[in-house]
Amino acid sequence: MGLQMDNDPKHTSKVVAKWLKDNKVKVLEWPSQSPDLNPIENVWAEVKKHVRARRPTNLTQLHLLSGGMGQNSPNLLWEACGRLPQTLTQVKQFKGNSTKY
């Protein structure tokens, strides 16, 4: 099994790199800034779109929205994962640049 990281600077620090090496953690190569390849980032984008469309003006309204999203969350993640083969093909076509799904 390997660890996937997003190349955020805090993950690539010398201290973290040493710890990973010392503990023999296999790290998968991963392009930086590639939300297309990270299904949870695509799920977050859907959640943000859902919230923006309803324009909550207070925490109570936001909380009510989150209840409705909670019912759909497993489906959103499942769908995002299901698009991964197509997304990988697009990323390859665009030579690693961002795609729209």
Protein backbone atom coordinates (compact mmCIF):
# COMPACT_ATOMS: atom_id res chain seq x y z
CA MET A 1 0.00 0.00 0.00
CA GLY A 2 1.20 3.53 -0.71
CA LEU A 3 0.49 7.03 0.51
CA GLN A 4 -0.82 9.68 -1.84
CA MET A 5 0.05 13.28 -1.03
CA ASP A 6 -0.85 16.49 -2.82
CA ASN A 7 2.68 17.99 -2.89
CA ASP A 8 1.67 20.72 -0.46
CA PRO A 9 4.88 22.24 0.96
CA LYS A 10 4.09 21.01 4.48
CA HIS A 11 4.05 17.46 3.11
CA THR A 12 7.35 17.85 1.29
CA SER A 13 9.36 19.32 4.16
CA LYS A 14 12.65 17.65 5.05
CA VAL A 15 11.29 16.51 8.40
CA VAL A 16 8.30 14.77 6.82
CA ALA A 17 10.40 13.29 4.00
CA LYS A 18 12.87 11.88 6.54
CA TRP A 19 10.08 10.43 8.69
CA LEU A 20 8.47 8.76 5.67
CA LYS A 21 11.82 7.31 4.59
CA ASP A 22 12.76 6.17 8.12
CA ASN A 23 9.39 4.47 8.49
CA LYS A 24 9.55 2.93 5.01
CA VAL A 25 6.32 4.55 3.84
CA LYS A 26 5.87 4.24 0.09
CA VAL A 27 4.75 7.56 -1.39
CA LEU A 28 3.04 7.62 -4.78
CA GLU A 29 4.20 10.21 -7.27
CA TRP A 30 1.43 12.73 -7.78
CA PRO A 31 1.29 15.93 -9.82
CA SER A 32 0.91 19.05 -7.72
CA GLN A 33 -2.23 21.14 -8.13
CA SER A 34 -4.24 18.29 -9.66
CA PRO A 35 -7.72 18.22 -8.12
CA ASP A 36 -8.87 16.33 -11.21
CA LEU A 37 -7.02 13.30 -9.87
CA ASN A 38 -8.37 13.60 -6.34
CA PRO A 39 -12.03 12.57 -6.17
CA ILE A 40 -12.63 14.22 -2.79
CA GLU A 41 -11.61 17.61 -4.25
CA ASN A 42 -14.27 17.15 -6.92
CA VAL A 43 -16.81 16.28 -4.22
CA TRP A 44 -15.90 19.47 -2.33
CA ALA A 45 -16.44 21.43 -5.56
CA GLU A 46 -19.95 19.94 -5.85
CA VAL A 47 -20.72 20.81 -2.22
CA LYS A 48 -19.54 24.40 -2.74
CA LYS A 49 -21.66 24.69 -5.88
CA HIS A 50 -24.70 23.39 -3.96
CA VAL A 51 -24.19 25.89 -1.13
CA ARG A 52 -23.57 28.85 -3.46
CA ALA A 53 -26.72 28.08 -5.43
CA ARG A 54 -28.86 28.33 -2.27
CA ARG A 55 -27.07 31.37 -0.78
CA PRO A 56 -27.49 30.75 2.95
CA THR A 57 -27.27 33.95 4.97
CA ASN A 58 -26.70 32.48 8.43
CA LEU A 59 -25.43 29.36 10.18
CA THR A 60 -28.90 27.91 10.67
CA GLN A 61 -29.58 27.98 6.93
CA LEU A 62 -26.14 26.51 6.24
CA HIS A 63 -26.79 23.74 8.75
CA LEU A 64 -30.11 22.92 7.07
CA LEU A 65 -28.30 22.67 3.73
CA SER A 66 -25.69 20.33 5.16
CA GLY A 67 -28.44 17.90 6.23
CA GLY A 68 -29.60 17.57 2.63
CA MET A 69 -26.06 17.20 1.32
CA GLY A 70 -25.33 14.50 3.89
CA GLN A 71 -27.87 12.23 2.25
CA ASN A 72 -26.18 12.66 -1.12
CA SER A 73 -22.56 12.52 0.05
CA PRO A 74 -21.98 8.79 -0.59
CA ASN A 75 -23.42 9.16 -4.09
CA LEU A 76 -21.25 12.20 -4.83
CA LEU A 77 -18.09 10.35 -3.85
CA TRP A 78 -19.12 7.21 -5.72
CA GLU A 79 -19.82 9.26 -8.87
CA ALA A 80 -16.53 11.15 -8.55
CA CYS A 81 -14.63 7.87 -8.26
CA GLY A 82 -16.59 6.44 -11.19
CA ARG A 83 -15.39 9.33 -13.38
CA LEU A 84 -11.75 8.65 -12.55
CA PRO A 85 -10.91 6.48 -15.61
CA GLN A 86 -12.34 9.14 -17.93
CA THR A 87 -10.57 11.89 -15.98
CA LEU A 88 -7.23 10.07 -16.18
CA THR A 89 -7.63 9.81 -19.95
CA GLN A 90 -8.35 13.55 -20.14
CA VAL A 91 -5.37 14.42 -17.94
CA LYS A 92 -3.16 12.33 -20.24
CA GLN A 93 -4.60 14.12 -23.30
CA PHE A 94 -3.96 17.51 -21.69
CA LYS A 95 -0.44 16.42 -20.68
CA GLY A 96 -1.08 16.81 -16.95
CA ASN A 97 -2.92 20.12 -17.13
CA SER A 98 -6.27 20.66 -15.42
CA THR A 99 -9.43 19.34 -17.02
CA LYS A 100 -13.11 20.07 -16.53
CA TYR A 101 -15.31 17.04 -15.80
